[in-house]
């Protein structure tokens, strides 16, 4: 095997000849040596050129054709060029043009009836504007859309499902490619009920001035006349002043009780094609705001009952419990006992929460009930003991003591003992 390295404008061109294949190559040829040239062309500068190893990418003969293998890139396409003499400029050897597929591909031009030829493979970017037919449509676009790059031209043909021809389609896509692309850098934002608002960031690939528009959906309910809802519907657009970032801010509505986890789905929308100022893509134009009832990331809502079995009180009270942010970095357990005449609708106690469960030991709550039939205020106090977890980690039991003062004129405080039993709900 012999090789001659030729350097031109910083790009390496390797020419090859093989004496061991000479007899087979000369069968059907006019005689002489078969020379195969391979050129690795970068798309901008010689520094970007991709050289081929003459041993791992060695051309060879197979069934009367030269097999030329080379590494490829998914952002490229390749042309096979040929000339019978190095004194004659290379020309494109139609029909040999291929898209890169990320692996190794090759060309296999037949040696009959051309005889001895010099070959080179040119690598071009799919975004280049090269057009073999010079008909206004780039060859990379044609290959991506299965159009012939060597003719006949498809500029005036209208593809099925479109109302315009290929040239107009190409020009539209080229114009859109120059616009900034708007997208969500993070597909999910999480907020716990009790927060006043949530901010969802948007990014753009190029500086942009103008409005970004979006639409909202999801299981969260927007506020409206007569409906409290989960959030105040925003305007549906945000203005960007020569920037590459923007924020969609959504005001949340305080919830008086514990419901289920909800979501707000935000979808970016692009202007009409006739006046498009930015573009979007399907895989990054949608983001979700998870509105969680509990700060516990998994199974954070608990349901069960609060029952007093001795003393003054009997029976049970349905209860829902969720972990919410407290003052500072603390966490509180919020209890939903909607309609309870002594405890109100909701109340909170301090809690030691973890991903595996919670501990209410030492938690306290007090309430004053006014406007009673007796004309006296009632002082209600709850005290929580040590929380016990069952073997499967799903049910939690806590002893509770209730003290009730002001029930009688004597001022004697009455006490009752009971149990809080809750299990994971969601």
Protein backbone atom coordinates (compact mmCIF):
# COMPACT_ATOMS: atom_id res chain seq x y z
CA UNK A 1 0.00 0.00 0.00
CA UNK A 2 1.34 3.39 -0.98
CA UNK A 3 0.01 6.79 -0.01
CA UNK A 4 0.88 10.30 -1.01
CA UNK A 5 -0.21 13.12 1.29
CA UNK A 6 -1.03 16.34 -0.43
CA UNK A 7 -1.71 19.51 1.59
CA UNK A 8 -3.93 22.22 0.12
CA UNK A 9 -5.28 25.16 2.19
CA UNK A 10 -4.73 23.20 5.38
CA UNK A 11 -6.98 20.31 4.32
CA UNK A 12 -5.39 16.89 4.01
CA UNK A 13 -6.04 14.97 0.78
CA UNK A 14 -4.88 11.34 0.65
CA UNK A 15 -4.44 9.49 -2.64
CA UNK A 16 -4.17 5.72 -2.77
CA UNK A 17 -2.97 3.02 -5.15
CA UNK A 18 -2.94 -0.71 -4.63
CA UNK A 19 -0.75 -3.07 -6.66
CA UNK A 20 -2.28 -6.18 -5.09
CA UNK A 21 -5.62 -5.36 -6.72
CA UNK A 22 -4.13 -4.35 -10.04
CA UNK A 23 -5.03 -7.45 -12.04
CA UNK A 24 -8.64 -7.45 -10.87
CA UNK A 25 -8.95 -3.73 -11.42
CA UNK A 26 -7.58 -3.88 -14.93
CA UNK A 27 -10.20 -6.44 -16.00
CA UNK A 28 -12.75 -4.30 -17.82
CA UNK A 29 -10.63 -1.14 -17.52
CA UNK A 30 -8.57 0.60 -20.14
CA UNK A 31 -5.46 -0.28 -18.19
CA UNK A 32 -3.20 1.42 -15.67
CA UNK A 33 -3.55 1.94 -11.95
CA UNK A 34 -6.78 2.66 -10.15
CA UNK A 35 -6.28 5.73 -7.98
CA UNK A 36 -8.81 6.66 -5.31
CA UNK A 37 -8.69 10.08 -3.68
CA UNK A 38 -10.47 10.89 -0.42
CA UNK A 39 -10.90 14.47 0.76
CA UNK A 40 -12.30 15.38 4.18
CA UNK A 41 -13.82 18.85 3.85
CA UNK A 42 -14.85 20.98 6.82
CA UNK A 43 -17.68 23.46 6.41
CA UNK A 44 -16.09 26.71 7.55
CA UNK A 45 -12.36 26.60 8.06
CA UNK A 46 -9.60 24.07 7.45
CA UNK A 47 -9.36 23.68 11.23
CA UNK A 48 -12.81 22.07 11.15
CA UNK A 49 -11.81 19.45 8.59
CA UNK A 50 -12.24 15.81 9.54
CA UNK A 51 -9.35 13.66 8.33
CA UNK A 52 -9.73 10.01 7.33
CA UNK A 53 -7.36 7.31 8.48
CA UNK A 54 -5.91 5.61 5.39
CA UNK A 55 -5.83 2.22 7.12
CA UNK A 56 -9.19 2.10 8.91
CA UNK A 57 -11.00 3.77 5.97
CA UNK A 58 -9.06 2.03 3.21
CA UNK A 59 -10.91 1.93 -0.16
CA UNK A 60 -11.27 -1.54 -1.71
CA UNK A 61 -12.76 -3.25 -4.76
CA UNK A 62 -15.96 -5.27 -4.51
CA UNK A 63 -17.88 -6.73 -7.48
CA UNK A 64 -16.51 -4.20 -9.94
CA UNK A 65 -17.06 -1.19 -7.71
CA UNK A 66 -14.85 0.86 -5.42
CA UNK A 67 -16.06 0.75 -1.82
CA UNK A 68 -15.19 4.06 -0.11
CA UNK A 69 -16.06 4.10 3.59
CA UNK A 70 -15.81 7.10 5.89
CA UNK A 71 -17.02 8.32 9.31
CA UNK A 72 -20.11 10.55 9.32
CA UNK A 73 -21.90 13.18 11.37
CA UNK A 74 -25.65 13.69 11.75
CA UNK A 75 -25.34 17.41 10.97
CA UNK A 76 -23.74 16.74 7.57
CA UNK A 77 -24.32 15.39 4.10
CA UNK A 78 -21.74 13.96 1.70
CA UNK A 79 -21.06 14.22 -2.03
CA UNK A 80 -18.92 11.85 -4.08
CA UNK A 81 -16.81 13.72 -6.63
CA UNK A 82 -14.71 12.22 -9.42
CA UNK A 83 -12.31 13.12 -12.21
CA UNK A 84 -10.42 10.97 -14.75
CA UNK A 85 -7.32 13.14 -14.32
CA UNK A 86 -5.95 15.43 -11.63
CA UNK A 87 -5.57 18.07 -14.32
CA UNK A 88 -9.36 18.12 -14.76
CA UNK A 89 -11.55 19.69 -12.02
CA UNK A 90 -13.55 17.29 -9.88
CA UNK A 91 -17.25 17.00 -10.69
CA UNK A 92 -20.11 15.64 -8.62
CA UNK A 93 -20.70 11.99 -9.42
CA UNK A 94 -24.52 11.84 -9.41
CA UNK A 95 -26.32 9.88 -7.96
CA UNK A 96 -23.93 9.72 -5.04
CA UNK A 97 -25.13 12.03 -2.23
CA UNK A 98 -25.95 10.81 1.27
CA UNK A 99 -27.10 12.11 4.63
CA UNK A 100 -24.88 11.47 7.63
CA UNK A 101 -26.36 9.02 10.10
CA UNK A 102 -23.88 9.17 12.99
CA UNK A 103 -22.14 5.95 12.04
CA UNK A 104 -19.92 4.82 9.17
CA UNK A 105 -21.34 5.00 5.65
CA UNK A 106 -19.80 4.81 2.22
CA UNK A 107 -20.03 5.10 -1.54
CA UNK A 108 -19.56 2.31 -4.08
CA UNK A 109 -19.21 3.78 -7.59
CA UNK A 110 -18.94 1.24 -10.41
CA UNK A 111 -15.69 1.17 -12.40
CA UNK A 112 -17.52 0.27 -15.59
CA UNK A 113 -17.64 2.01 -18.01
CA UNK A 114 -15.68 4.90 -16.46
CA UNK A 115 -12.36 3.08 -16.04
CA UNK A 116 -9.70 4.59 -13.82
CA UNK A 117 -10.90 7.56 -11.80
CA UNK A 118 -9.86 9.82 -8.97
CA UNK A 119 -12.49 10.14 -6.24
CA UNK A 120 -13.02 12.41 -3.28
CA UNK A 121 -15.77 12.67 -0.67
CA UNK A 122 -16.89 16.15 0.36
CA UNK A 123 -18.54 16.74 3.72
CA UNK A 124 -20.96 19.69 3.96
CA UNK A 125 -23.14 21.09 6.71
CA UNK A 126 -26.87 20.49 6.45
CA UNK A 127 -27.30 24.22 7.08
CA UNK A 128 -25.15 25.23 4.09
CA UNK A 129 -26.81 26.96 1.14
CA UNK A 130 -25.01 24.89 -1.53
CA UNK A 131 -27.34 23.97 -4.40
CA UNK A 132 -26.13 21.74 -7.24
CA UNK A 133 -28.97 22.91 -9.50
CA UNK A 134 -28.70 26.51 -8.27
CA UNK A 135 -32.51 26.57 -8.08
CA UNK A 136 -32.82 28.37 -4.74
CA UNK A 137 -33.27 25.26 -2.59
CA UNK A 138 -30.24 24.04 -0.62
CA UNK A 139 -29.11 20.46 -1.21
CA UNK A 140 -29.21 19.66 2.51
CA UNK A 141 -32.91 20.61 2.61
CA UNK A 142 -33.57 18.43 -0.44
CA UNK A 143 -31.89 15.40 1.13
CA UNK A 144 -33.81 15.89 4.38
CA UNK A 145 -37.07 15.96 2.41
CA UNK A 146 -36.16 13.16 -0.03
CA UNK A 147 -35.92 15.50 -3.00
CA UNK A 148 -33.42 14.87 -5.84
CA UNK A 149 -30.44 17.19 -5.66
CA UNK A 150 -29.15 16.46 -9.18
CA UNK A 151 -32.45 17.10 -10.93
CA UNK A 152 -35.09 17.56 -11.97
CA UNK A 153 -35.76 20.69 -9.90
CA UNK A 154 -38.74 20.53 -7.53
CA UNK A 155 -39.13 24.27 -6.94
CA UNK A 156 -42.60 24.56 -8.53
CA UNK A 157 -43.95 21.21 -7.29
CA UNK A 158 -46.54 21.33 -4.49
CA UNK A 159 -46.18 18.44 -2.01
CA UNK A 160 -49.19 16.53 -0.77
CA UNK A 161 -50.88 18.25 2.16
CA UNK A 162 -49.47 21.71 1.34
CA UNK A 163 -50.91 24.66 -0.54
CA UNK A 164 -47.58 26.08 -1.69
CA UNK A 165 -44.57 24.82 -3.65
CA UNK A 166 -41.23 23.50 -2.38
CA UNK A 167 -39.38 26.77 -3.01
CA UNK A 168 -41.84 28.73 -0.82
CA UNK A 169 -41.67 26.04 1.86
CA UNK A 170 -37.87 26.20 1.87
CA UNK A 171 -37.82 30.00 2.05
CA UNK A 172 -40.30 29.99 4.93
CA UNK A 173 -38.26 27.48 6.90
CA UNK A 174 -35.06 29.40 6.19
CA UNK A 175 -36.63 32.61 7.45
CA UNK A 176 -37.94 30.89 10.57
CA UNK A 177 -34.50 29.42 11.30
CA UNK A 178 -33.12 32.96 11.66
CA UNK A 179 -35.68 33.87 14.36
CA UNK A 180 -35.10 33.42 18.13
CA UNK A 181 -36.38 30.14 19.54
CA UNK A 182 -38.42 30.45 22.75
CA UNK A 183 -38.39 27.50 25.14
CA UNK A 184 -38.76 26.47 28.78
CA UNK A 185 -35.34 25.64 30.28
CA UNK A 186 -37.08 23.57 32.99
CA UNK A 187 -40.13 21.44 32.17
CA UNK A 188 -41.46 21.34 35.75
CA UNK A 189 -41.80 23.86 38.58
CA UNK A 190 -43.08 22.82 42.00
CA UNK A 191 -44.84 25.03 44.53
CA UNK A 192 -46.60 24.17 47.80
CA UNK A 193 -50.05 25.55 48.56
CA UNK A 194 -49.62 28.61 50.75
CA UNK A 195 -47.15 30.34 48.47
CA UNK A 196 -48.41 33.65 47.10
CA UNK A 197 -47.13 33.16 43.55
CA UNK A 198 -44.99 31.05 41.27
CA UNK A 199 -42.54 32.18 38.59
CA UNK A 200 -41.81 30.10 35.49
CA UNK A 201 -38.68 31.11 33.49
CA UNK A 202 -38.61 31.24 29.68
CA UNK A 203 -35.42 31.39 27.58
CA UNK A 204 -34.68 32.51 24.01
CA UNK A 205 -31.79 31.54 21.78
CA UNK A 206 -31.36 35.14 20.48
CA UNK A 207 -32.08 38.59 21.92
CA UNK A 208 -35.74 39.46 21.37
CA UNK A 209 -37.93 42.51 21.79
CA UNK A 210 -41.68 41.99 21.85
CA UNK A 211 -44.38 39.93 23.49
CA UNK A 212 -44.22 36.19 24.18
CA UNK A 213 -47.69 34.67 24.28
CA UNK A 214 -48.83 31.55 26.13
CA UNK A 215 -51.92 29.59 27.11
CA UNK A 216 -52.85 27.88 30.40
CA UNK A 217 -54.61 24.61 31.09
CA UNK A 218 -54.32 21.77 33.61
CA UNK A 219 -56.26 20.50 36.61
CA UNK A 220 -55.85 23.70 38.66
CA UNK A 221 -58.92 25.93 38.53
CA UNK A 222 -58.56 29.59 37.49
CA UNK A 223 -60.40 32.17 39.57
CA UNK A 224 -63.50 33.74 38.03
CA UNK A 225 -66.60 35.57 39.27
CA UNK A 226 -68.18 33.29 41.87
CA UNK A 227 -65.28 30.79 41.72
CA UNK A 228 -62.39 31.08 44.18
CA UNK A 229 -60.11 28.85 42.12
CA UNK A 230 -56.43 28.03 42.60
CA UNK A 231 -54.79 30.91 40.72
CA UNK A 232 -55.52 34.29 39.18
CA UNK A 233 -55.42 33.96 35.37
CA UNK A 234 -52.45 36.00 34.03
CA UNK A 235 -52.64 38.15 30.91
CA UNK A 236 -51.37 35.44 28.56
CA UNK A 237 -48.32 37.38 27.40
CA UNK A 238 -45.04 38.71 28.77
CA UNK A 239 -42.95 41.51 27.27
CA UNK A 240 -39.24 41.00 26.56
CA UNK A 241 -37.00 44.03 26.02
CA UNK A 242 -33.98 42.98 23.94
CA UNK A 243 -33.34 40.02 26.20
CA UNK A 244 -32.90 36.26 26.13
CA UNK A 245 -34.93 35.50 29.27
CA UNK A 246 -38.43 36.22 30.55
CA UNK A 247 -40.57 35.20 33.52
CA UNK A 248 -44.21 34.15 33.57
CA UNK A 249 -45.59 35.06 37.01
CA UNK A 250 -48.79 33.43 38.25
CA UNK A 251 -50.55 34.66 41.40
CA UNK A 252 -51.85 31.80 43.55
CA UNK A 253 -55.06 31.92 45.58
CA UNK A 254 -54.82 30.90 49.27
CA UNK A 255 -56.70 27.66 49.86
CA UNK A 256 -58.73 27.43 53.06
CA UNK A 257 -58.63 23.64 53.19
CA UNK A 258 -56.73 20.61 51.91
CA UNK A 259 -57.66 19.44 48.45
CA UNK A 260 -55.74 17.28 45.97
CA UNK A 261 -52.54 18.06 44.12
CA UNK A 262 -53.19 20.13 41.03
CA UNK A 263 -51.23 21.30 38.02
CA UNK A 264 -51.02 24.37 35.78
CA UNK A 265 -49.86 23.57 32.24
CA UNK A 266 -48.27 26.47 30.33
CA UNK A 267 -47.88 26.23 26.55
CA UNK A 268 -45.94 28.84 24.57
CA UNK A 269 -47.68 29.93 21.39
CA UNK A 270 -46.04 31.48 18.34
CA UNK A 271 -47.42 34.40 16.29
CA UNK A 272 -49.13 33.64 12.95
CA UNK A 273 -46.77 32.62 10.15
CA UNK A 274 -47.46 35.87 8.30
CA UNK A 275 -46.04 37.94 11.18
CA UNK A 276 -43.86 35.49 13.09
CA UNK A 277 -41.20 37.11 15.28
CA UNK A 278 -40.04 34.03 17.22
CA UNK A 279 -40.42 30.28 16.93
CA UNK A 280 -41.20 27.37 19.25
CA UNK A 281 -40.63 23.62 19.13
CA UNK A 282 -42.94 20.88 20.33
CA UNK A 283 -40.43 19.31 22.73
CA UNK A 284 -39.72 22.43 24.82
CA UNK A 285 -42.73 24.75 24.55
CA UNK A 286 -44.74 23.21 27.41
CA UNK A 287 -44.03 23.47 31.14
CA UNK A 288 -45.98 22.24 34.16
CA UNK A 289 -46.42 23.88 37.55
CA UNK A 290 -47.13 21.26 40.18
CA UNK A 291 -49.28 22.78 42.95
CA UNK A 292 -48.69 20.42 45.85
CA UNK A 293 -50.85 20.23 48.96
CA UNK A 294 -47.92 19.10 51.08
CA UNK A 295 -44.21 19.86 51.20
CA UNK A 296 -43.52 16.12 51.45
CA UNK A 297 -42.51 15.16 47.93
CA UNK A 298 -44.29 11.80 48.04
CA UNK A 299 -47.59 10.82 49.66
CA UNK A 300 -47.69 14.13 51.50
CA UNK A 301 -51.44 14.26 52.25
CA UNK A 302 -52.92 12.12 55.04
CA UNK A 303 -56.59 11.33 55.79
CA UNK A 304 -58.21 9.75 58.84
CA UNK A 305 -60.05 10.70 62.00
CA UNK A 306 -59.65 12.46 65.34
CA UNK A 307 -61.69 10.56 67.93
CA UNK A 308 -62.06 11.12 71.70
CA UNK A 309 -63.06 7.93 73.43
CA UNK A 310 -63.24 8.93 77.11
CA UNK A 311 -63.89 11.98 79.22
CA UNK A 312 -66.40 14.51 78.01
CA UNK A 313 -66.27 13.73 74.29
CA UNK A 314 -67.03 10.70 72.16
CA UNK A 315 -67.19 9.90 68.46
CA UNK A 316 -64.87 10.86 65.64
CA UNK A 317 -64.08 13.83 63.44
CA UNK A 318 -62.93 13.36 59.84
CA UNK A 319 -59.58 14.99 59.29
CA UNK A 320 -57.10 15.66 56.50
CA UNK A 321 -53.50 16.59 57.22
CA UNK A 322 -50.73 18.08 55.05
CA UNK A 323 -47.23 19.38 55.70
CA UNK A 324 -46.81 23.06 54.87
CA UNK A 325 -43.96 25.59 55.25
CA UNK A 326 -44.05 27.41 58.58
CA UNK A 327 -42.18 30.48 59.79
CA UNK A 328 -38.51 30.53 58.93
CA UNK A 329 -37.41 27.09 57.81
CA UNK A 330 -39.89 25.25 60.01
CA UNK A 331 -42.67 22.90 58.93
CA UNK A 332 -46.18 22.69 60.34
CA UNK A 333 -48.89 20.08 60.08
CA UNK A 334 -52.08 21.66 58.73
CA UNK A 335 -55.29 19.92 59.82
CA UNK A 336 -58.49 20.28 57.83
CA UNK A 337 -61.48 19.70 60.14
CA UNK A 338 -63.97 21.80 58.21
CA UNK A 339 -67.15 22.45 60.20
CA UNK A 340 -65.85 21.46 63.67
CA UNK A 341 -67.58 23.73 66.23
CA UNK A 342 -64.61 23.69 68.66
CA UNK A 343 -61.60 23.57 66.34
CA UNK A 344 -62.85 25.64 63.41
CA UNK A 345 -62.07 24.68 59.83
CA UNK A 346 -58.27 24.36 59.88
CA UNK A 347 -55.49 24.59 62.44
CA UNK A 348 -51.73 24.02 62.50
CA UNK A 349 -49.30 22.49 64.97
CA UNK A 350 -45.55 22.16 64.88
CA UNK A 351 -44.24 18.90 63.42
CA UNK A 352 -40.98 17.14 62.76
CA UNK A 353 -41.46 15.87 59.19
CA UNK A 354 -39.26 13.68 57.02
CA UNK A 355 -39.62 11.75 53.80
CA UNK A 356 -40.46 8.63 55.84
CA UNK A 357 -43.17 10.19 58.00
CA UNK A 358 -43.71 12.71 60.77
CA UNK A 359 -43.63 13.15 64.55
CA UNK A 360 -46.22 15.29 66.40
CA UNK A 361 -44.91 14.78 69.93
CA UNK A 362 -45.21 18.06 71.87
CA UNK A 363 -47.45 19.78 69.32
CA UNK A 364 -49.93 22.27 70.80
CA UNK A 365 -53.01 24.09 69.53
CA UNK A 366 -55.39 26.46 71.30
CA UNK A 367 -58.61 28.11 70.19
CA UNK A 368 -61.18 30.46 71.73
CA UNK A 369 -64.81 29.84 70.81
CA UNK A 370 -66.97 32.96 71.15
CA UNK A 371 -70.72 33.61 70.92
CA UNK A 372 -71.61 30.40 72.76
CA UNK A 373 -75.16 29.69 74.01
CA UNK A 374 -73.89 30.07 77.58
CA UNK A 375 -72.64 33.56 77.06
CA UNK A 376 -69.12 32.53 77.99
CA UNK A 377 -66.07 31.91 75.80
CA UNK A 378 -64.76 28.39 75.57
CA UNK A 379 -61.01 27.84 75.72
CA UNK A 380 -59.99 24.77 73.70
CA UNK A 381 -56.50 23.27 73.92
CA UNK A 382 -55.09 20.23 72.12
CA UNK A 383 -51.88 18.44 73.13
CA UNK A 384 -50.29 15.75 70.93
CA UNK A 385 -48.24 12.84 72.21
CA UNK A 386 -45.71 10.58 70.51
CA UNK A 387 -46.64 9.48 66.97
CA UNK A 388 -46.38 5.75 66.27
CA UNK A 389 -45.94 4.34 62.76
CA UNK A 390 -47.32 0.95 61.76
CA UNK A 391 -45.08 -1.71 60.24
CA UNK A 392 -45.77 -0.80 56.60
CA UNK A 393 -45.10 2.90 57.17
CA UNK A 394 -48.52 3.92 55.86
CA UNK A 395 -50.63 4.52 59.00
CA UNK A 396 -49.73 6.89 61.86
CA UNK A 397 -51.31 6.96 65.32
CA UNK A 398 -50.93 9.82 67.82
CA UNK A 399 -52.53 10.19 71.29
CA UNK A 400 -54.33 13.52 71.73
CA UNK A 401 -55.60 15.27 74.86
CA UNK A 402 -58.28 17.98 74.73
CA UNK A 403 -58.76 20.47 77.57
CA UNK A 404 -61.92 22.57 77.57
CA UNK A 405 -62.25 25.58 79.87
CA UNK A 406 -65.26 27.87 80.40
CA UNK A 407 -67.88 25.20 79.86
CA UNK A 408 -69.36 25.88 83.34
CA UNK A 409 -69.51 28.95 85.51
CA UNK A 410 -67.27 27.29 88.06
CA UNK A 411 -64.35 27.49 85.65
CA UNK A 412 -63.51 23.82 86.06
CA UNK A 413 -61.55 22.51 83.07
CA UNK A 414 -62.77 19.30 81.50
CA UNK A 415 -60.47 16.90 79.73
CA UNK A 416 -60.88 14.17 77.17
CA UNK A 417 -58.36 11.80 75.63
CA UNK A 418 -58.44 10.39 72.14
CA UNK A 419 -56.42 9.33 69.14
CA UNK A 420 -55.47 10.86 65.82
CA UNK A 421 -55.21 8.13 63.16
CA UNK A 422 -54.23 9.05 59.61
CA UNK A 423 -52.90 7.22 56.57
CA UNK A 424 -51.17 8.36 53.39
CA UNK A 425 -53.58 9.48 50.72
CA UNK A 426 -51.59 10.84 47.73
